[in-house]
C-alpha atoms as a PDB file:
ATOM      1  CA  UNK A   1     -46.095  36.981  -4.448  1.00  0.00           C
ATOM      2  CA  UNK A   2     -46.449  34.215  -2.021  1.00  0.00           C
ATOM      3  CA  UNK A   3     -46.669  31.817  -5.128  1.00  0.00           C
ATOM      4  CA  UNK A   4     -43.609  33.565  -6.807  1.00  0.00           C
ATOM      5  CA  UNK A   5     -41.362  33.178  -3.431  1.00  0.00           C
ATOM      6  CA  UNK A   6     -42.570  29.593  -3.090  1.00  0.00           C
ATOM      7  CA  UNK A   7     -41.255  28.888  -6.845  1.00  0.00           C
ATOM      8  CA  UNK A   8     -38.306  30.532  -6.283  1.00  0.00           C
ATOM      9  CA  UNK A   9     -37.667  28.493  -3.150  1.00  0.00           C
ATOM     10  CA  UNK A  10     -38.499  25.137  -4.732  1.00  0.00           C
ATOM     11  CA  UNK A  11     -36.263  26.054  -7.720  1.00  0.00           C
ATOM     12  CA  UNK A  12     -33.542  26.752  -5.366  1.00  0.00           C
ATOM     13  CA  UNK A  13     -33.856  23.690  -3.427  1.00  0.00           C
ATOM     14  CA  UNK A  14     -33.960  21.854  -6.822  1.00  0.00           C
ATOM     15  CA  UNK A  15     -30.897  23.322  -7.604  1.00  0.00           C
ATOM     16  CA  UNK A  16     -28.960  22.563  -4.533  1.00  0.00           C
ATOM     17  CA  UNK A  17     -30.015  18.831  -4.768  1.00  0.00           C
ATOM     18  CA  UNK A  18     -28.835  18.744  -8.438  1.00  0.00           C
ATOM     19  CA  UNK A  19     -25.446  20.364  -7.034  1.00  0.00           C
ATOM     20  CA  UNK A  20     -25.153  17.954  -4.568  1.00  0.00           C
ATOM     21  CA  UNK A  21     -26.251  14.693  -6.757  1.00  0.00           C
ATOM     22  CA  UNK A  22     -23.243  16.147  -9.139  1.00  0.00           C
ATOM     23  CA  UNK A  23     -20.547  15.638  -6.532  1.00  0.00           C
ATOM     24  CA  UNK A  24     -18.771  12.321  -7.571  1.00  0.00           C
ATOM     25  CA  UNK A  25     -18.333  10.391  -4.113  1.00  0.00           C
ATOM     26  CA  UNK A  26     -15.259   8.398  -3.927  1.00  0.00           C
ATOM     27  CA  UNK A  27     -14.429   5.703  -1.198  1.00  0.00           C
ATOM     28  CA  UNK A  28     -10.410   5.121  -0.911  1.00  0.00           C
ATOM     29  CA  UNK A  29      -9.399   1.700   0.927  1.00  0.00           C
ATOM     30  CA  UNK A  30      -6.468   1.935   2.881  1.00  0.00           C
ATOM     31  CA  UNK A  31      -4.717   0.108   5.374  1.00  0.00           C
ATOM     32  CA  UNK A  32      -4.863  -0.464   9.465  1.00  0.00           C
ATOM     33  CA  UNK A  33      -5.240   2.701  11.006  1.00  0.00           C
ATOM     34  CA  UNK A  34      -2.364   2.132  13.292  1.00  0.00           C
ATOM     35  CA  UNK A  35       0.020   1.927  10.150  1.00  0.00           C
ATOM     36  CA  UNK A  36       1.978   4.884   8.844  1.00  0.00           C
ATOM     37  CA  UNK A  37       0.613   4.192   5.615  1.00  0.00           C
ATOM     38  CA  UNK A  38      -2.802   5.231   6.739  1.00  0.00           C
ATOM     39  CA  UNK A  39      -1.654   8.485   7.693  1.00  0.00           C
ATOM     40  CA  UNK A  40      -0.440   8.835   3.481  1.00  0.00           C
ATOM     41  CA  UNK A  41      -4.029   8.034   2.560  1.00  0.00           C
ATOM     42  CA  UNK A  42      -5.597  10.488   4.661  1.00  0.00           C
ATOM     43  CA  UNK A  43      -3.174  12.961   3.088  1.00  0.00           C
ATOM     44  CA  UNK A  44      -4.050  12.104  -0.171  1.00  0.00           C
ATOM     45  CA  UNK A  45      -7.930  12.403   0.632  1.00  0.00           C
ATOM     46  CA  UNK A  46      -7.390  15.827   1.739  1.00  0.00           C
ATOM     47  CA  UNK A  47      -5.818  16.715  -1.613  1.00  0.00           C
ATOM     48  CA  UNK A  48      -8.439  15.561  -3.295  1.00  0.00           C
ATOM     49  CA  UNK A  49     -11.131  16.996  -1.669  1.00  0.00           C
ATOM     50  CA  UNK A  50      -9.399  20.409  -1.678  1.00  0.00           C
ATOM     51  CA  UNK A  51      -8.103  20.207  -5.327  1.00  0.00           C
ATOM     52  CA  UNK A  52     -10.256  18.038  -7.355  1.00  0.00           C
ATOM     53  CA  UNK A  53     -13.339  19.941  -8.104  1.00  0.00           C
ATOM     54  CA  UNK A  54     -16.591  17.882  -8.121  1.00  0.00           C
ATOM     55  CA  UNK A  55     -15.101  15.013  -6.194  1.00  0.00           C
ATOM     56  CA  UNK A  56     -15.856  14.078  -2.416  1.00  0.00           C
ATOM     57  CA  UNK A  57     -13.533  11.532  -1.129  1.00  0.00           C
ATOM     58  CA  UNK A  58     -13.237   9.562   2.093  1.00  0.00           C
ATOM     59  CA  UNK A  59     -11.158   6.983   3.541  1.00  0.00           C
ATOM     60  CA  UNK A  60     -11.648   3.553   4.522  1.00  0.00           C
ATOM     61  CA  UNK A  61      -9.719   1.384   7.204  1.00  0.00           C
ATOM     62  CA  UNK A  62      -9.278  -1.760   5.663  1.00  0.00           C
ATOM     63  CA  UNK A  63      -6.942  -5.133   5.663  1.00  0.00           C
ATOM     64  CA  UNK A  64      -4.452  -3.521   2.957  1.00  0.00           C
ATOM     65  CA  UNK A  65      -3.932  -4.826  -0.594  1.00  0.00           C
ATOM     66  CA  UNK A  66      -5.690  -8.296  -0.613  1.00  0.00           C
ATOM     67  CA  UNK A  67      -8.657  -6.843   1.147  1.00  0.00           C
ATOM     68  CA  UNK A  68      -8.723  -3.735  -1.375  1.00  0.00           C
ATOM     69  CA  UNK A  69      -8.400  -5.922  -4.395  1.00  0.00           C
ATOM     70  CA  UNK A  70     -11.465  -7.927  -3.023  1.00  0.00           C
ATOM     71  CA  UNK A  71     -13.268  -4.892  -2.673  1.00  0.00           C
ATOM     72  CA  UNK A  72     -12.383  -3.421  -6.065  1.00  0.00           C
ATOM     73  CA  UNK A  73     -13.619  -6.502  -7.743  1.00  0.00           C
ATOM     74  CA  UNK A  74     -16.820  -6.031  -5.654  1.00  0.00           C
ATOM     75  CA  UNK A  75     -16.942  -2.371  -6.498  1.00  0.00           C
ATOM     76  CA  UNK A  76     -16.915  -1.594  -2.887  1.00  0.00           C
ATOM     77  CA  UNK A  77     -14.032   0.951  -3.188  1.00  0.00           C
ATOM     78  CA  UNK A  78     -13.075   2.982  -6.050  1.00  0.00           C
ATOM     79  CA  UNK A  79      -9.416   3.358  -5.194  1.00  0.00           C
ATOM     80  CA  UNK A  80      -7.158   1.530  -2.446  1.00  0.00           C
ATOM     81  CA  UNK A  81      -3.537   0.733  -1.493  1.00  0.00           C
ATOM     82  CA  UNK A  82      -2.319  -2.072  -3.639  1.00  0.00           C
ATOM     83  CA  UNK A  83       1.357  -3.390  -3.702  1.00  0.00           C
ATOM     84  CA  UNK A  84       3.033  -3.941  -6.875  1.00  0.00           C
ATOM     85  CA  UNK A  85       3.780  -7.731  -6.408  1.00  0.00           C
ATOM     86  CA  UNK A  86       0.196  -8.765  -5.302  1.00  0.00           C
ATOM     87  CA  UNK A  87      -1.427  -6.205  -7.955  1.00  0.00           C
ATOM     88  CA  UNK A  88       0.204  -7.917 -10.624  1.00  0.00           C
ATOM     89  CA  UNK A  89      -0.515 -11.596  -9.204  1.00  0.00           C
ATOM     90  CA  UNK A  90      -4.402 -10.431  -9.156  1.00  0.00           C
ATOM     91  CA  UNK A  91      -4.343  -8.793 -12.563  1.00  0.00           C
ATOM     92  CA  UNK A  92      -2.881 -11.892 -14.198  1.00  0.00           C
ATOM     93  CA  UNK A  93      -5.005 -14.302 -12.147  1.00  0.00           C
ATOM     94  CA  UNK A  94      -1.935 -16.183 -10.506  1.00  0.00           C
ATOM     95  CA  UNK A  95      -1.058 -17.506  -7.155  1.00  0.00           C
ATOM     96  CA  UNK A  96      -4.029 -16.664  -4.796  1.00  0.00           C
ATOM     97  CA  UNK A  97      -5.938 -15.378  -7.363  1.00  0.00           C
ATOM     98  CA  UNK A  98      -5.510 -17.936 -10.093  1.00  0.00           C
ATOM     99  CA  UNK A  99      -8.904 -18.557 -11.998  1.00  0.00           C
ATOM    100  CA  UNK A 100     -10.415 -15.317 -10.340  1.00  0.00           C
ATOM    101  CA  UNK A 101      -8.489 -12.364 -11.713  1.00  0.00           C
ATOM    102  CA  UNK A 102      -8.695  -9.024 -10.314  1.00  0.00           C
ATOM    103  CA  UNK A 103      -9.128  -5.988 -13.085  1.00  0.00           C
ATOM    104  CA  UNK A 104      -7.568  -2.759 -11.540  1.00  0.00           C
ATOM    105  CA  UNK A 105      -5.738   0.495 -13.362  1.00  0.00           C
ATOM    106  CA  UNK A 106      -2.524   1.740 -11.669  1.00  0.00           C
ATOM    107  CA  UNK A 107      -2.711   5.503 -10.439  1.00  0.00           C
ATOM    108  CA  UNK A 108       0.689   5.801  -9.155  1.00  0.00           C
ATOM    109  CA  UNK A 109       3.232   4.429  -6.980  1.00  0.00           C
ATOM    110  CA  UNK A 110       4.040   6.168  -3.795  1.00  0.00           C
ATOM    111  CA  UNK A 111       6.939   4.217  -2.053  1.00  0.00           C
ATOM    112  CA  UNK A 112       8.988   0.843  -2.197  1.00  0.00           C
ATOM    113  CA  UNK A 113       8.249  -0.962   1.095  1.00  0.00           C
ATOM    114  CA  UNK A 114      11.312  -3.083   2.449  1.00  0.00           C
ATOM    115  CA  UNK A 115       9.612  -6.150   4.136  1.00  0.00           C
ATOM    116  CA  UNK A 116      11.362  -6.147   7.851  1.00  0.00           C
ATOM    117  CA  UNK A 117      11.505  -9.166   9.404  1.00  0.00           C
ATOM    118  CA  UNK A 118      11.443  -8.215  13.487  1.00  0.00           C
ATOM    119  CA  UNK A 119      11.870 -10.491  16.316  1.00  0.00           C
ATOM    120  CA  UNK A 120      12.003  -9.917  20.086  1.00  0.00           C
ATOM    121  CA  UNK A 121      15.858 -10.012  21.146  1.00  0.00           C
ATOM    122  CA  UNK A 122      15.054 -12.579  24.009  1.00  0.00           C
ATOM    123  CA  UNK A 123      13.555 -15.115  21.186  1.00  0.00           C
ATOM    124  CA  UNK A 124      17.448 -16.050  20.622  1.00  0.00           C
ATOM    125  CA  UNK A 125      16.673 -16.362  16.896  1.00  0.00           C
ATOM    126  CA  UNK A 126      19.465 -14.523  14.767  1.00  0.00           C
ATOM    127  CA  UNK A 127      18.584 -16.012  11.347  1.00  0.00           C
ATOM    128  CA  UNK A 128      15.623 -16.677   9.131  1.00  0.00           C
ATOM    129  CA  UNK A 129      15.799 -20.072   9.315  1.00  0.00           C
ATOM    130  CA  UNK A 130      15.763 -19.948  13.051  1.00  0.00           C
ATOM    131  CA  UNK A 131      12.028 -19.255  12.882  1.00  0.00           C
ATOM    132  CA  UNK A 132      11.191 -22.734  12.026  1.00  0.00           C
ATOM    133  CA  UNK A 133       8.436 -23.782  14.655  1.00  0.00           C
ATOM    134  CA  UNK A 134       8.443 -20.199  16.145  1.00  0.00           C
ATOM    135  CA  UNK A 135       5.097 -18.253  16.852  1.00  0.00           C
ATOM    136  CA  UNK A 136       5.405 -15.645  14.339  1.00  0.00           C
ATOM    137  CA  UNK A 137       2.974 -13.106  12.614  1.00  0.00           C
ATOM    138  CA  UNK A 138       3.315 -12.895   8.940  1.00  0.00           C
ATOM    139  CA  UNK A 139       1.518  -9.538   8.355  1.00  0.00           C
ATOM    140  CA  UNK A 140      -1.519  -8.158   9.013  1.00  0.00           C
ATOM    141  CA  UNK A 141      -4.819 -10.519   8.092  1.00  0.00           C
ATOM    142  CA  UNK A 142      -5.614 -10.085   4.191  1.00  0.00           C
ATOM    143  CA  UNK A 143      -2.354  -7.979   3.547  1.00  0.00           C
ATOM    144  CA  UNK A 144       0.304  -8.358   0.883  1.00  0.00           C
ATOM    145  CA  UNK A 145       2.641  -8.527   3.578  1.00  0.00           C
ATOM    146  CA  UNK A 146       1.067 -11.567   4.950  1.00  0.00           C
ATOM    147  CA  UNK A 147       0.526 -13.463   1.652  1.00  0.00           C
ATOM    148  CA  UNK A 148       4.178 -12.397   0.314  1.00  0.00           C
ATOM    149  CA  UNK A 149       5.965 -13.506   3.429  1.00  0.00           C
ATOM    150  CA  UNK A 150       4.240 -16.994   3.198  1.00  0.00           C
ATOM    151  CA  UNK A 151       5.673 -17.449  -0.315  1.00  0.00           C
ATOM    152  CA  UNK A 152       9.186 -15.995   0.736  1.00  0.00           C
ATOM    153  CA  UNK A 153       9.326 -18.298   3.643  1.00  0.00           C
ATOM    154  CA  UNK A 154       8.068 -21.327   1.383  1.00  0.00           C
ATOM    155  CA  UNK A 155      10.609 -20.550  -1.113  1.00  0.00           C
ATOM    156  CA  UNK A 156      13.458 -20.600   1.312  1.00  0.00           C
ATOM    157  CA  UNK A 157      12.043 -23.622   3.211  1.00  0.00           C
ATOM    158  CA  UNK A 158      10.915 -21.882   6.560  1.00  0.00           C
ATOM    159  CA  UNK A 159       8.110 -22.996   8.552  1.00  0.00           C
ATOM    160  CA  UNK A 160       7.184 -20.429  11.539  1.00  0.00           C
ATOM    161  CA  UNK A 161       4.189 -21.336  13.465  1.00  0.00           C
ATOM    162  CA  UNK A 162       1.982 -18.734  12.003  1.00  0.00           C
ATOM    163  CA  UNK A 163      -0.290 -16.448  14.312  1.00  0.00           C
ATOM    164  CA  UNK A 164      -2.746 -14.273  12.460  1.00  0.00           C
ATOM    165  CA  UNK A 165      -4.101 -11.059  13.630  1.00  0.00           C
ATOM    166  CA  UNK A 166      -4.492  -7.141  13.220  1.00  0.00           C
ATOM    167  CA  UNK A 167      -1.317  -4.896  13.850  1.00  0.00           C
ATOM    168  CA  UNK A 168      -2.706  -3.752  16.973  1.00  0.00           C
ATOM    169  CA  UNK A 169      -3.086  -7.342  18.065  1.00  0.00           C
ATOM    170  CA  UNK A 170       0.307  -8.440  16.929  1.00  0.00           C
ATOM    171  CA  UNK A 171       2.099  -5.418  18.447  1.00  0.00           C
ATOM    172  CA  UNK A 172       0.310  -6.352  21.589  1.00  0.00           C
ATOM    173  CA  UNK A 173       1.314  -9.931  21.537  1.00  0.00           C
ATOM    174  CA  UNK A 174       4.832  -9.379  20.735  1.00  0.00           C
ATOM    175  CA  UNK A 175       5.350  -6.843  23.896  1.00  0.00           C
ATOM    176  CA  UNK A 176       4.010  -9.640  26.062  1.00  0.00           C
ATOM    177  CA  UNK A 177       5.819 -12.098  24.769  1.00  0.00           C
ATOM    178  CA  UNK A 178       2.727 -14.473  23.482  1.00  0.00           C
ATOM    179  CA  UNK A 179       4.264 -14.205  19.801  1.00  0.00           C
ATOM    180  CA  UNK A 180       7.763 -13.343  19.040  1.00  0.00           C
ATOM    181  CA  UNK A 181       7.917 -11.328  16.269  1.00  0.00           C
ATOM    182  CA  UNK A 182       6.488 -10.403  12.767  1.00  0.00           C
ATOM    183  CA  UNK A 183       6.835  -8.987   9.421  1.00  0.00           C
ATOM    184  CA  UNK A 184       6.129  -5.328   8.929  1.00  0.00           C
ATOM    185  CA  UNK A 185       6.404  -3.149   6.003  1.00  0.00           C
ATOM    186  CA  UNK A 186       9.125  -0.327   6.374  1.00  0.00           C
ATOM    187  CA  UNK A 187       8.640   3.287   5.725  1.00  0.00           C
ATOM    188  CA  UNK A 188      11.599   3.787   3.226  1.00  0.00           C
ATOM    189  CA  UNK A 189      14.688   2.764   5.031  1.00  0.00           C
ATOM    190  CA  UNK A 190      13.353   3.141   8.467  1.00  0.00           C
ATOM    191  CA  UNK A 191      11.210   0.771  10.463  1.00  0.00           C
ATOM    192  CA  UNK A 192       7.517   1.140  10.503  1.00  0.00           C
ATOM    193  CA  UNK A 193       5.955   3.022  13.574  1.00  0.00           C
ATOM    194  CA  UNK A 194       4.434   0.197  15.291  1.00  0.00           C
ATOM    195  CA  UNK A 195       7.672  -1.591  15.241  1.00  0.00           C
ATOM    196  CA  UNK A 196       9.258   1.567  16.940  1.00  0.00           C
ATOM    197  CA  UNK A 197       6.619   1.396  19.379  1.00  0.00           C
ATOM    198  CA  UNK A 198       7.359  -2.208  20.225  1.00  0.00           C
ATOM    199  CA  UNK A 199      11.036  -1.287  20.422  1.00  0.00           C
ATOM    200  CA  UNK A 200      10.455   1.370  23.184  1.00  0.00           C
ATOM    201  CA  UNK A 201      10.213  -1.286  25.843  1.00  0.00           C
ATOM    202  CA  UNK A 202      11.049  -4.371  24.388  1.00  0.00           C
ATOM    203  CA  UNK A 203      14.402  -4.902  22.624  1.00  0.00           C
ATOM    204  CA  UNK A 204      14.248  -6.193  19.106  1.00  0.00           C
ATOM    205  CA  UNK A 205      16.355  -7.275  16.376  1.00  0.00           C
ATOM    206  CA  UNK A 206      15.972  -7.281  12.405  1.00  0.00           C
ATOM    207  CA  UNK A 207      16.845 -10.632  10.610  1.00  0.00           C
ATOM    208  CA  UNK A 208      18.498 -10.204   7.403  1.00  0.00           C
ATOM    209  CA  UNK A 209      18.475 -12.511   4.092  1.00  0.00           C
ATOM    210  CA  UNK A 210      21.751 -14.465   3.733  1.00  0.00           C
ATOM    211  CA  UNK A 211      23.679 -14.190   0.155  1.00  0.00           C
ATOM    212  CA  UNK A 212      22.346 -17.625  -0.744  1.00  0.00           C
ATOM    213  CA  UNK A 213      18.520 -16.326   0.428  1.00  0.00           C
ATOM    214  CA  UNK A 214      18.790 -13.288  -1.406  1.00  0.00           C
ATOM    215  CA  UNK A 215      20.068 -15.082  -4.506  1.00  0.00           C
ATOM    216  CA  UNK A 216      17.328 -17.677  -4.121  1.00  0.00           C
ATOM    217  CA  UNK A 217      14.620 -15.025  -3.965  1.00  0.00           C
ATOM    218  CA  UNK A 218      16.170 -13.243  -7.239  1.00  0.00           C
ATOM    219  CA  UNK A 219      15.999 -16.402  -9.222  1.00  0.00           C
ATOM    220  CA  UNK A 220      12.824 -17.810  -8.126  1.00  0.00           C
ATOM    221  CA  UNK A 221      10.568 -14.902  -7.027  1.00  0.00           C
ATOM    222  CA  UNK A 222      11.490 -12.136  -9.714  1.00  0.00           C
ATOM    223  CA  UNK A 223       8.091 -10.243  -8.805  1.00  0.00           C
ATOM    224  CA  UNK A 224      10.112  -9.154  -5.699  1.00  0.00           C
ATOM    225  CA  UNK A 225      12.953  -6.945  -5.200  1.00  0.00           C
ATOM    226  CA  UNK A 226      15.849  -7.778  -3.098  1.00  0.00           C
ATOM    227  CA  UNK A 227      17.210  -4.663  -1.301  1.00  0.00           C
ATOM    228  CA  UNK A 228      20.126  -3.754   0.996  1.00  0.00           C
ATOM    229  CA  UNK A 229      18.949  -1.381   3.932  1.00  0.00           C
ATOM    230  CA  UNK A 230      21.796   0.668   5.520  1.00  0.00           C
ATOM    231  CA  UNK A 231      22.602   1.124   9.091  1.00  0.00           C
ATOM    232  CA  UNK A 232      20.148   3.123  11.094  1.00  0.00           C
ATOM    233  CA  UNK A 233      16.685   1.712  10.089  1.00  0.00           C
ATOM    234  CA  UNK A 234      15.947   2.015  14.044  1.00  0.00           C
ATOM    235  CA  UNK A 235      18.177   2.565  16.919  1.00  0.00           C
ATOM    236  CA  UNK A 236      21.357   0.178  17.077  1.00  0.00           C
ATOM    237  CA  UNK A 237      20.085  -1.668  14.156  1.00  0.00           C
ATOM    238  CA  UNK A 238      22.725  -2.661  11.592  1.00  0.00           C
ATOM    239  CA  UNK A 239      22.865  -3.086   7.896  1.00  0.00           C
ATOM    240  CA  UNK A 240      20.310  -5.898   6.703  1.00  0.00           C
ATOM    241  CA  UNK A 241      19.059  -7.277   3.402  1.00  0.00           C
ATOM    242  CA  UNK A 242      15.560  -8.293   2.799  1.00  0.00           C
ATOM    243  CA  UNK A 243      12.677  -8.449   0.127  1.00  0.00           C
ATOM    244  CA  UNK A 244      10.576  -5.450  -1.143  1.00  0.00           C
ATOM    245  CA  UNK A 245       7.931  -4.317  -3.167  1.00  0.00           C
ATOM    246  CA  UNK A 246       5.993  -1.131  -4.417  1.00  0.00           C
ATOM    247  CA  UNK A 247       3.335   0.274  -2.822  1.00  0.00           C
ATOM    248  CA  UNK A 248       0.563   1.936  -5.021  1.00  0.00           C
ATOM    249  CA  UNK A 249      -2.651   3.357  -5.664  1.00  0.00           C
ATOM    250  CA  UNK A 250      -4.955   1.238  -7.808  1.00  0.00           C
ATOM    251  CA  UNK A 251      -8.279   2.147  -9.297  1.00  0.00           C
ATOM    252  CA  UNK A 252     -11.450   0.559 -10.275  1.00  0.00           C
ATOM    253  CA  UNK A 253     -11.203   0.069 -14.278  1.00  0.00           C
ATOM    254  CA  UNK A 254     -14.666   2.108 -14.495  1.00  0.00           C
ATOM    255  CA  UNK A 255     -13.102   5.189 -12.752  1.00  0.00           C
ATOM    256  CA  UNK A 256     -13.872   8.223 -14.977  1.00  0.00           C
ATOM    257  CA  UNK A 257     -10.990   9.337 -17.023  1.00  0.00           C
ATOM    258  CA  UNK A 258     -11.161  13.030 -16.401  1.00  0.00           C
ATOM    259  CA  UNK A 259     -11.497  12.314 -12.196  1.00  0.00           C
ATOM    260  CA  UNK A 260      -8.664   9.945 -12.343  1.00  0.00           C
ATOM    261  CA  UNK A 261      -6.571  12.469 -14.576  1.00  0.00           C
ATOM    262  CA  UNK A 262      -7.376  15.347 -11.952  1.00  0.00           C
ATOM    263  CA  UNK A 263      -6.525  13.040  -9.035  1.00  0.00           C
ATOM    264  CA  UNK A 264      -2.954  12.137 -10.383  1.00  0.00           C
ATOM    265  CA  UNK A 265      -2.042  15.674 -11.144  1.00  0.00           C
ATOM    266  CA  UNK A 266      -3.382  17.001  -7.784  1.00  0.00           C
ATOM    267  CA  UNK A 267      -1.161  14.161  -5.995  1.00  0.00           C
ATOM    268  CA  UNK A 268       1.716  14.779  -8.230  1.00  0.00           C
ATOM    269  CA  UNK A 269       1.646  18.527  -7.879  1.00  0.00           C
ATOM    270  CA  UNK A 270       0.832  18.726  -4.093  1.00  0.00           C
ATOM    271  CA  UNK A 271       3.974  16.739  -2.337  1.00  0.00           C
ATOM    272  CA  UNK A 272       4.210  18.625   0.772  1.00  0.00           C
ATOM    273  CA  UNK A 273       1.000  17.398   2.524  1.00  0.00           C
ATOM    274  CA  UNK A 274       2.142  13.958   1.309  1.00  0.00           C
ATOM    275  CA  UNK A 275       5.660  14.385   2.864  1.00  0.00           C
ATOM    276  CA  UNK A 276       4.510  15.574   5.900  1.00  0.00           C
ATOM    277  CA  UNK A 277       2.022  12.467   6.549  1.00  0.00           C
ATOM    278  CA  UNK A 278       4.246  10.085   5.089  1.00  0.00           C
ATOM    279  CA  UNK A 279       8.157  11.096   5.190  1.00  0.00           C
ATOM    280  CA  UNK A 280       9.228   8.122   2.762  1.00  0.00           C
ATOM    281  CA  UNK A 281       7.886  10.093   0.003  1.00  0.00           C
ATOM    282  CA  UNK A 282       9.930  13.276   0.756  1.00  0.00           C
ATOM    283  CA  UNK A 283      11.975  14.237  -2.403  1.00  0.00           C
ATOM    284  CA  UNK A 284      10.992  11.249  -4.513  1.00  0.00           C
ATOM    285  CA  UNK A 285      10.113  11.483  -7.997  1.00  0.00           C
ATOM    286  CA  UNK A 286       6.413   9.719  -7.546  1.00  0.00           C
ATOM    287  CA  UNK A 287       5.901   9.853 -11.760  1.00  0.00           C
ATOM    288  CA  UNK A 288       9.057   8.204 -12.384  1.00  0.00           C
ATOM    289  CA  UNK A 289       8.961   5.721  -9.512  1.00  0.00           C
ATOM    290  CA  UNK A 290       5.330   4.638 -10.971  1.00  0.00           C
ATOM    291  CA  UNK A 291       6.853   4.073 -14.334  1.00  0.00           C
ATOM    292  CA  UNK A 292       9.815   2.054 -12.901  1.00  0.00           C
ATOM    293  CA  UNK A 293       8.130  -0.131 -10.442  1.00  0.00           C
ATOM    294  CA  UNK A 294       4.470  -0.308 -11.598  1.00  0.00           C
ATOM    295  CA  UNK A 295       3.453  -3.747 -12.618  1.00  0.00           C
ATOM    296  CA  UNK A 296      -0.401  -3.249 -14.340  1.00  0.00           C
ATOM    297  CA  UNK A 297      -1.685  -1.110 -17.012  1.00  0.00           C
ATOM    298  CA  UNK A 298      -1.914   2.605 -16.045  1.00  0.00           C
ATOM    299  CA  UNK A 299      -5.720   4.129 -15.711  1.00  0.00           C
ATOM    300  CA  UNK A 300      -5.936   6.128 -19.137  1.00  0.00           C
ATOM    301  CA  UNK A 301      -6.533   9.416 -16.927  1.00  0.00           C
ATOM    302  CA  UNK A 302      -3.020   8.448 -15.357  1.00  0.00           C
ATOM    303  CA  UNK A 303      -1.238   7.830 -18.420  1.00  0.00           C
ATOM    304  CA  UNK A 304      -2.538  11.079 -19.918  1.00  0.00           C
ATOM    305  CA  UNK A 305      -1.088  13.299 -17.053  1.00  0.00           C
ATOM    306  CA  UNK A 306       2.306  11.439 -17.466  1.00  0.00           C
ATOM    307  CA  UNK A 307       2.509  11.875 -20.962  1.00  0.00           C
ATOM    308  CA  UNK A 308       1.857  15.450 -20.985  1.00  0.00           C
ATOM    309  CA  UNK A 309       5.005  15.727 -18.527  1.00  0.00           C
ATOM    310  CA  UNK A 310       7.120  13.921 -21.262  1.00  0.00           C
ATOM    311  CA  UNK A 311       7.338  10.731 -19.780  1.00  0.00           C
ATOM    312  CA  UNK A 312       7.701   7.529 -21.624  1.00  0.00           C
ATOM    313  CA  UNK A 313       5.265   4.946 -20.668  1.00  0.00           C
ATOM    314  CA  UNK A 314       6.653   1.588 -20.688  1.00  0.00           C
ATOM    315  CA  UNK A 315       4.803  -0.857 -22.852  1.00  0.00           C
ATOM    316  CA  UNK A 316       3.673  -3.186 -20.003  1.00  0.00           C
ATOM    317  CA  UNK A 317       1.898   0.096 -18.232  1.00  0.00           C
ATOM    318  CA  UNK A 318       0.220   1.298 -21.476  1.00  0.00           C
ATOM    319  CA  UNK A 319      -3.614   1.620 -20.750  1.00  0.00           C
ATOM    320  CA  UNK A 320      -5.758  -1.197 -21.923  1.00  0.00           C
ATOM    321  CA  UNK A 321      -9.345  -1.092 -23.009  1.00  0.00           C
END
């Protein structure tokens, strides 16, 4: 009898171990935990863990787009935040990725991110060209904001004195006047939480592209959008014009097709937790936004879901082998 019980116990242990081994574990690269985008990925992670059977996901704080692309190329993350412009550069092996492209697949786009040029009011800078020689942060280290800001300013002939750092370091430096400002992705048509934090006790302004600068970017940087932000991005902030890109979730090409399908299905069909965590996605059609703004081929699993919804996939986004 003892032998029977021992055999049953051993069998149960082996079954339990097999169940654990069958659980697919995924790591999602996000951004700085001080960013409102990090909260979005926490919500996505919760959706995956509660809705996608056989998958256990977790979120890693990272340096955002460029860092996530590097981690995808090294198989260190399975999915991650990637902006549409830098994602395209990486896939095509252009700009910073020349000669070393990063192969990734689009899952979905969740917002379009205006790039806000925020400056201390007492810096006495009223235009972008006034940033020449000013101590200024172009975006957190390793982020798409950083690389895009540098490309934009180079195109416009503007040369700030760049100061590098994480969002937390930069926010503290702006508050105490060690640097005068930074570029930070907005949340829809609103300023990011870190900018609102600065503005609580430090008056700030948002600089606008001039009409001429906007036309220069449209002509010379077609991978970016030029957007008009209405009055009210923050308290007392007038309307302004700036550049923008989409913020997407990319996956490693080897992510299982069925897993990708189930993840995209769960995210598309559970909008409320995402909206609660990241208000910019509320009432947005993420599927259509993905097809309108995406820049690299869809993962086959994502494409299957969108096609099932009767959506037409643009040629540039069709899955590749």
